[in-house]
Amino acid sequence: MTDRYRAFRDLHRPGEPLLLPNAWDHASAAALAARGHQAIGTTSLGVAAAAGRPDAVRATRAETLELAYRLRDLPTLLTVDVEDGFHDDPAEVAGFVGELAALGVVGVNLEDGRPDGRLAPADHVASVIAAVRAAVPRMVVNARTDAWWLGVPAPLDEARRRAAAFRAAGADCLFVPGAPDDLVGLLAAEAGLPLNVLYRPGGPDLAALGRLGVARVSTGSLLFRAALGAALHLTDAIGAGRDAGLPAPPGYEEVQALVSPSAT
């Protein structure tokens, strides 16, 4: 049997970044897998918004697990955004990650942002990472710091400190959404872990990020928001009697083909 954990870990090559698109339901994940993406992540915002719940407040533990169950048979490697683990107790987080592993999930994204908008203490996040590593030793743990997104003082110093703590706890990758473009190369060189950044329209492309030493580029909630934006744009264009100017959407048969007979 193919070692799926190792296969996913091996896709993280500094200088040759993995493009990790993030899905929010079965259709989006199946469509991305059909396009040949070897690995797909989930987006917590997309999962939460699709369920009518807010993101980043531990409201979608059940929905996250259910989505992993729905995606378990897709021909791709799956990594799941679990916010901060949906719990304060490291053992509870580790247990949840174990449930995901039982469904075939090979990676998790664990963030240090708290529901109250502050960063969790670095030692607490490290204890969560260590608990996950002990419970599911081969799980690929992408440790995310929101030092820039939450506007903490001296975010570079804070990110450096957290990178060291997360690495020591057993994290496999460091995710730094919002890090300024001019600091990405420095972070890639200093983190001691494969660096994951968030793709930003208008920002550096994959090749440029590769030259900076990045190993993984995630789309985050961008695809979900783009799909929502396209739906609104098309609806407005129909109402105004004008051409929407959008690419042709997938046909009915193409979408129907994304669902396996056993899932209908």
Protein backbone atom coordinates (compact mmCIF):
# COMPACT_ATOMS: atom_id res chain seq x y z
CA MET A 1 0.00 0.00 0.00
CA THR A 2 1.24 3.50 -0.84
CA ASP A 3 2.43 5.45 2.18
CA ARG A 4 0.07 8.41 1.86
CA TYR A 5 1.61 10.36 4.73
CA ARG A 6 5.05 10.12 3.17
CA ALA A 7 3.66 10.94 -0.27
CA PHE A 8 2.13 14.14 1.09
CA ARG A 9 5.23 15.08 3.04
CA ASP A 10 7.37 14.56 -0.06
CA LEU A 11 5.30 17.09 -1.99
CA HIS A 12 6.72 19.84 0.24
CA ARG A 13 9.88 20.82 -1.61
CA PRO A 14 11.43 24.21 -0.85
CA GLY A 15 11.94 25.95 -4.16
CA GLU A 16 9.30 23.82 -5.93
CA PRO A 17 6.16 24.79 -4.01
CA LEU A 18 3.13 22.56 -3.87
CA LEU A 19 0.01 24.40 -5.00
CA LEU A 20 -2.59 23.35 -2.46
CA PRO A 21 -6.11 24.37 -3.52
CA ASN A 22 -8.66 24.51 -0.72
CA ALA A 23 -12.13 23.01 -1.11
CA TRP A 24 -15.28 23.52 0.94
CA ASP A 25 -17.58 20.67 -0.13
CA HIS A 26 -17.57 17.42 -2.08
CA ALA A 27 -18.14 19.04 -5.48
CA SER A 28 -15.29 21.52 -5.16
CA ALA A 29 -12.89 18.85 -3.88
CA ALA A 30 -13.91 16.32 -6.53
CA ALA A 31 -13.54 18.90 -9.31
CA LEU A 32 -10.05 19.82 -8.10
CA ALA A 33 -9.08 16.16 -7.84
CA ALA A 34 -10.37 15.61 -11.38
CA ARG A 35 -8.00 18.38 -12.53
CA GLY A 36 -5.13 16.26 -11.27
CA HIS A 37 -4.20 17.95 -8.01
CA GLN A 38 -2.27 15.42 -5.96
CA ALA A 39 -3.29 17.07 -2.69
CA ILE A 40 -6.21 19.23 -1.61
CA GLY A 41 -6.88 21.12 1.59
CA THR A 42 -10.13 22.33 3.10
CA THR A 43 -10.91 25.93 3.99
CA SER A 44 -12.44 26.58 7.38
CA LEU A 45 -14.16 29.75 6.17
CA GLY A 46 -15.74 27.94 3.24
CA VAL A 47 -16.85 25.00 5.37
CA ALA A 48 -18.28 27.32 8.04
CA ALA A 49 -20.03 29.72 5.66
CA ALA A 50 -21.54 26.85 3.66
CA ALA A 51 -22.96 25.50 6.92
CA GLY A 52 -24.31 28.90 7.99
CA ARG A 53 -21.81 29.23 10.82
CA PRO A 54 -19.00 31.71 11.60
CA ASP A 55 -15.37 30.79 11.05
CA ALA A 56 -12.66 30.54 13.72
CA VAL A 57 -15.00 30.20 16.71
CA ARG A 58 -14.96 26.39 17.05
CA ALA A 59 -18.45 26.11 15.55
CA THR A 60 -17.77 23.52 12.84
CA ARG A 61 -16.12 20.51 14.43
CA ALA A 62 -18.94 18.21 13.30
CA GLU A 63 -19.10 19.72 9.82
CA THR A 64 -15.34 19.37 9.40
CA LEU A 65 -15.43 15.70 10.35
CA GLU A 66 -18.43 15.08 8.10
CA LEU A 67 -16.68 16.69 5.14
CA ALA A 68 -13.61 14.53 5.66
CA TYR A 69 -15.93 11.51 5.63
CA ARG A 70 -17.46 12.66 2.34
CA LEU A 71 -14.05 13.20 0.74
CA ARG A 72 -12.46 9.97 1.96
CA ASP A 73 -12.72 8.15 -1.41
CA LEU A 74 -11.43 10.89 -3.68
CA PRO A 75 -8.21 10.10 -5.59
CA THR A 76 -6.16 12.76 -3.84
CA LEU A 77 -4.34 13.40 -0.58
CA LEU A 78 -6.41 15.37 1.90
CA THR A 79 -5.30 17.84 4.54
CA VAL A 80 -7.91 19.44 6.78
CA ASP A 81 -8.12 22.90 8.31
CA VAL A 82 -9.12 22.32 11.94
CA GLU A 83 -8.91 25.95 13.11
CA ASP A 84 -7.23 25.77 16.55
CA GLY A 85 -8.34 22.16 17.02
CA PHE A 86 -11.83 23.07 18.27
CA HIS A 87 -10.79 22.62 21.90
CA ASP A 88 -8.42 23.94 24.58
CA ASP A 89 -7.41 20.46 25.78
CA PRO A 90 -4.50 19.08 23.71
CA ALA A 91 -5.76 15.54 24.30
CA GLU A 92 -9.16 16.45 22.84
CA VAL A 93 -7.51 17.96 19.78
CA ALA A 94 -5.33 14.89 19.35
CA GLY A 95 -8.41 12.67 19.60
CA PHE A 96 -10.15 14.66 16.88
CA VAL A 97 -7.11 14.42 14.62
CA GLY A 98 -7.13 10.69 15.25
CA GLU A 99 -10.72 10.56 13.98
CA LEU A 100 -9.63 12.37 10.83
CA ALA A 101 -6.71 9.98 10.37
CA ALA A 102 -9.11 7.05 10.54
CA LEU A 103 -10.87 8.56 7.51
CA GLY A 104 -7.64 8.73 5.54
CA VAL A 105 -6.71 12.37 6.19
CA VAL A 106 -2.94 12.82 5.94
CA GLY A 107 -2.51 16.40 7.16
CA VAL A 108 -4.02 19.03 9.42
CA ASN A 109 -3.68 22.78 9.60
CA LEU A 110 -3.50 23.98 13.22
CA GLU A 111 -3.61 27.72 13.91
CA ASP A 112 -2.63 29.78 16.93
CA GLY A 113 -5.41 32.36 16.61
CA ARG A 114 -8.03 32.20 19.34
CA PRO A 115 -11.79 32.82 19.02
CA ASP A 116 -11.31 36.06 20.98
CA GLY A 117 -8.95 37.41 18.31
CA ARG A 118 -5.72 36.96 20.26
CA LEU A 119 -2.83 34.59 19.75
CA ALA A 120 -2.84 31.55 22.00
CA PRO A 121 0.29 31.26 24.14
CA ALA A 122 3.07 29.67 22.11
CA ASP A 123 3.69 26.98 24.73
CA HIS A 124 0.03 25.95 24.64
CA VAL A 125 0.05 25.62 20.86
CA ALA A 126 3.27 23.63 21.12
CA SER A 127 1.59 21.28 23.60
CA VAL A 128 -1.27 20.75 21.15
CA ILE A 129 1.16 19.96 18.34
CA ALA A 130 3.07 17.55 20.59
CA ALA A 131 -0.17 15.79 21.59
CA VAL A 132 -1.18 15.37 17.95
CA ARG A 133 2.29 14.10 17.09
CA ALA A 134 2.12 11.54 19.91
CA ALA A 135 -1.38 10.36 18.97
CA VAL A 136 -0.91 10.24 15.19
CA PRO A 137 2.87 10.19 14.69
CA ARG A 138 2.81 10.34 10.89
CA MET A 139 0.21 13.06 10.45
CA VAL A 140 1.62 16.06 8.54
CA VAL A 141 1.07 19.00 10.89
CA ASN A 142 1.03 22.45 9.30
CA ALA A 143 1.45 24.89 12.20
CA ARG A 144 0.01 28.29 11.40
CA THR A 145 0.80 31.54 13.14
CA ASP A 146 -1.47 34.55 12.73
CA ALA A 147 1.18 36.96 13.98
CA TRP A 148 0.60 39.24 11.01
CA TRP A 149 -3.13 38.72 10.55
CA LEU A 150 -3.89 39.59 14.15
CA GLY A 151 -1.55 42.57 14.15
CA VAL A 152 0.57 41.63 17.14
CA PRO A 153 3.54 43.88 18.01
CA ALA A 154 6.81 42.89 16.29
CA PRO A 155 5.20 40.11 14.22
CA LEU A 156 8.49 38.91 12.73
CA ASP A 157 10.02 38.35 16.15
CA GLU A 158 6.85 36.60 17.30
CA ALA A 159 6.77 34.39 14.21
CA ARG A 160 10.41 33.44 14.73
CA ARG A 161 9.77 32.51 18.35
CA ARG A 162 6.73 30.46 17.45
CA ALA A 163 8.46 28.74 14.56
CA ALA A 164 11.13 27.50 16.97
CA ALA A 165 8.54 26.33 19.51
CA PHE A 166 6.37 24.62 16.90
CA ARG A 167 9.37 22.92 15.31
CA ALA A 168 10.52 21.60 18.67
CA ALA A 169 7.02 20.25 19.34
CA GLY A 170 7.04 18.24 16.12
CA ALA A 171 5.38 20.42 13.47
CA ASP A 172 6.16 19.50 9.87
CA CYS A 173 5.53 22.87 8.20
CA LEU A 174 5.14 26.51 9.18
CA PHE A 175 2.24 28.54 7.74
CA VAL A 176 2.50 32.33 7.86
CA PRO A 177 -0.56 33.89 6.19
CA GLY A 178 -0.26 37.63 5.77
CA ALA A 179 3.53 37.73 6.00
CA PRO A 180 4.87 40.61 3.85
CA ASP A 181 6.39 39.54 0.53
CA ASP A 182 9.77 41.02 1.47
CA LEU A 183 10.02 38.78 4.53
CA VAL A 184 9.01 35.48 2.93
CA GLY A 185 12.56 34.59 1.86
CA LEU A 186 13.88 35.33 5.33
CA LEU A 187 11.21 33.17 6.95
CA ALA A 188 11.88 30.32 4.52
CA ALA A 189 15.57 30.46 5.36
CA GLU A 190 15.18 30.74 9.13
CA ALA A 191 12.11 28.65 10.01
CA GLY A 192 13.83 25.28 9.93
CA LEU A 193 10.56 23.89 8.49
CA PRO A 194 9.06 23.87 4.99
CA LEU A 195 7.31 27.23 4.61
CA ASN A 196 3.65 27.53 3.61
CA VAL A 197 2.28 30.88 2.44
CA LEU A 198 -1.13 32.06 1.31
CA TYR A 199 -1.54 32.91 -2.36
CA ARG A 200 -2.49 36.54 -2.83
CA PRO A 201 -3.90 37.83 -6.15
CA GLY A 202 -1.47 40.42 -7.40
CA GLY A 203 1.32 39.03 -5.25
CA PRO A 204 4.24 36.79 -6.23
CA ASP A 205 3.37 33.84 -8.45
CA LEU A 206 4.38 30.23 -7.77
CA ALA A 207 7.72 30.57 -9.55
CA ALA A 208 8.63 33.71 -7.61
CA LEU A 209 7.62 32.12 -4.31
CA GLY A 210 9.70 29.09 -5.22
CA ARG A 211 12.74 31.29 -5.72
CA LEU A 212 12.18 32.57 -2.19
CA GLY A 213 12.34 29.02 -0.85
CA VAL A 214 8.61 28.44 -0.26
CA ALA A 215 7.51 24.79 -0.13
CA ARG A 216 3.71 25.12 -0.20
CA VAL A 217 1.24 27.71 -1.45
CA SER A 218 -2.35 27.49 -0.22
CA THR A 219 -5.35 29.23 -1.73
CA GLY A 220 -7.16 29.40 1.62
CA SER A 221 -10.68 30.74 1.27
CA LEU A 222 -9.92 32.41 -2.08
CA LEU A 223 -11.57 29.77 -4.27
CA PHE A 224 -14.71 29.76 -2.13
CA ARG A 225 -14.94 33.53 -2.19
CA ALA A 226 -14.25 33.60 -5.94
CA ALA A 227 -17.06 31.10 -6.55
CA LEU A 228 -19.42 33.19 -4.43
CA GLY A 229 -18.33 36.33 -6.27
CA ALA A 230 -18.88 34.70 -9.66
CA ALA A 231 -22.39 33.63 -8.66
CA LEU A 232 -23.25 37.19 -7.61
CA HIS A 233 -21.66 38.67 -10.74
CA LEU A 234 -23.57 36.32 -13.02
CA THR A 235 -26.86 36.92 -11.23
CA ASP A 236 -26.39 40.68 -11.47
CA ALA A 237 -25.52 40.41 -15.18
CA ILE A 238 -28.61 38.33 -15.91
CA GLY A 239 -30.77 40.86 -14.09
CA ALA A 240 -29.19 43.74 -15.99
CA GLY A 241 -29.47 42.01 -19.35
CA ARG A 242 -25.76 42.07 -20.08
CA ASP A 243 -23.06 39.52 -20.82
CA ALA A 244 -21.36 38.43 -17.60
CA GLY A 245 -18.08 37.78 -19.39
CA LEU A 246 -17.33 34.67 -17.34
CA PRO A 247 -15.78 31.41 -18.57
CA ALA A 248 -18.31 28.71 -19.40
CA PRO A 249 -19.21 26.80 -16.22
CA PRO A 250 -18.91 23.02 -16.00
CA GLY A 251 -21.82 21.26 -17.69
CA TYR A 252 -24.50 19.26 -15.91
CA GLU A 253 -22.99 15.94 -16.97
CA GLU A 254 -19.52 17.01 -15.87
CA VAL A 255 -20.74 17.90 -12.39
CA GLN A 256 -22.85 14.75 -12.17
CA ALA A 257 -19.76 12.71 -13.04
CA LEU A 258 -17.97 14.05 -9.97
CA VAL A 259 -20.21 11.96 -7.73
CA SER A 260 -19.45 8.27 -7.56
CA PRO A 261 -22.42 5.91 -7.98
CA SER A 262 -21.97 4.66 -4.42
CA ALA A 263 -22.44 8.22 -3.11
CA THR A 264 -25.71 8.98 -4.92
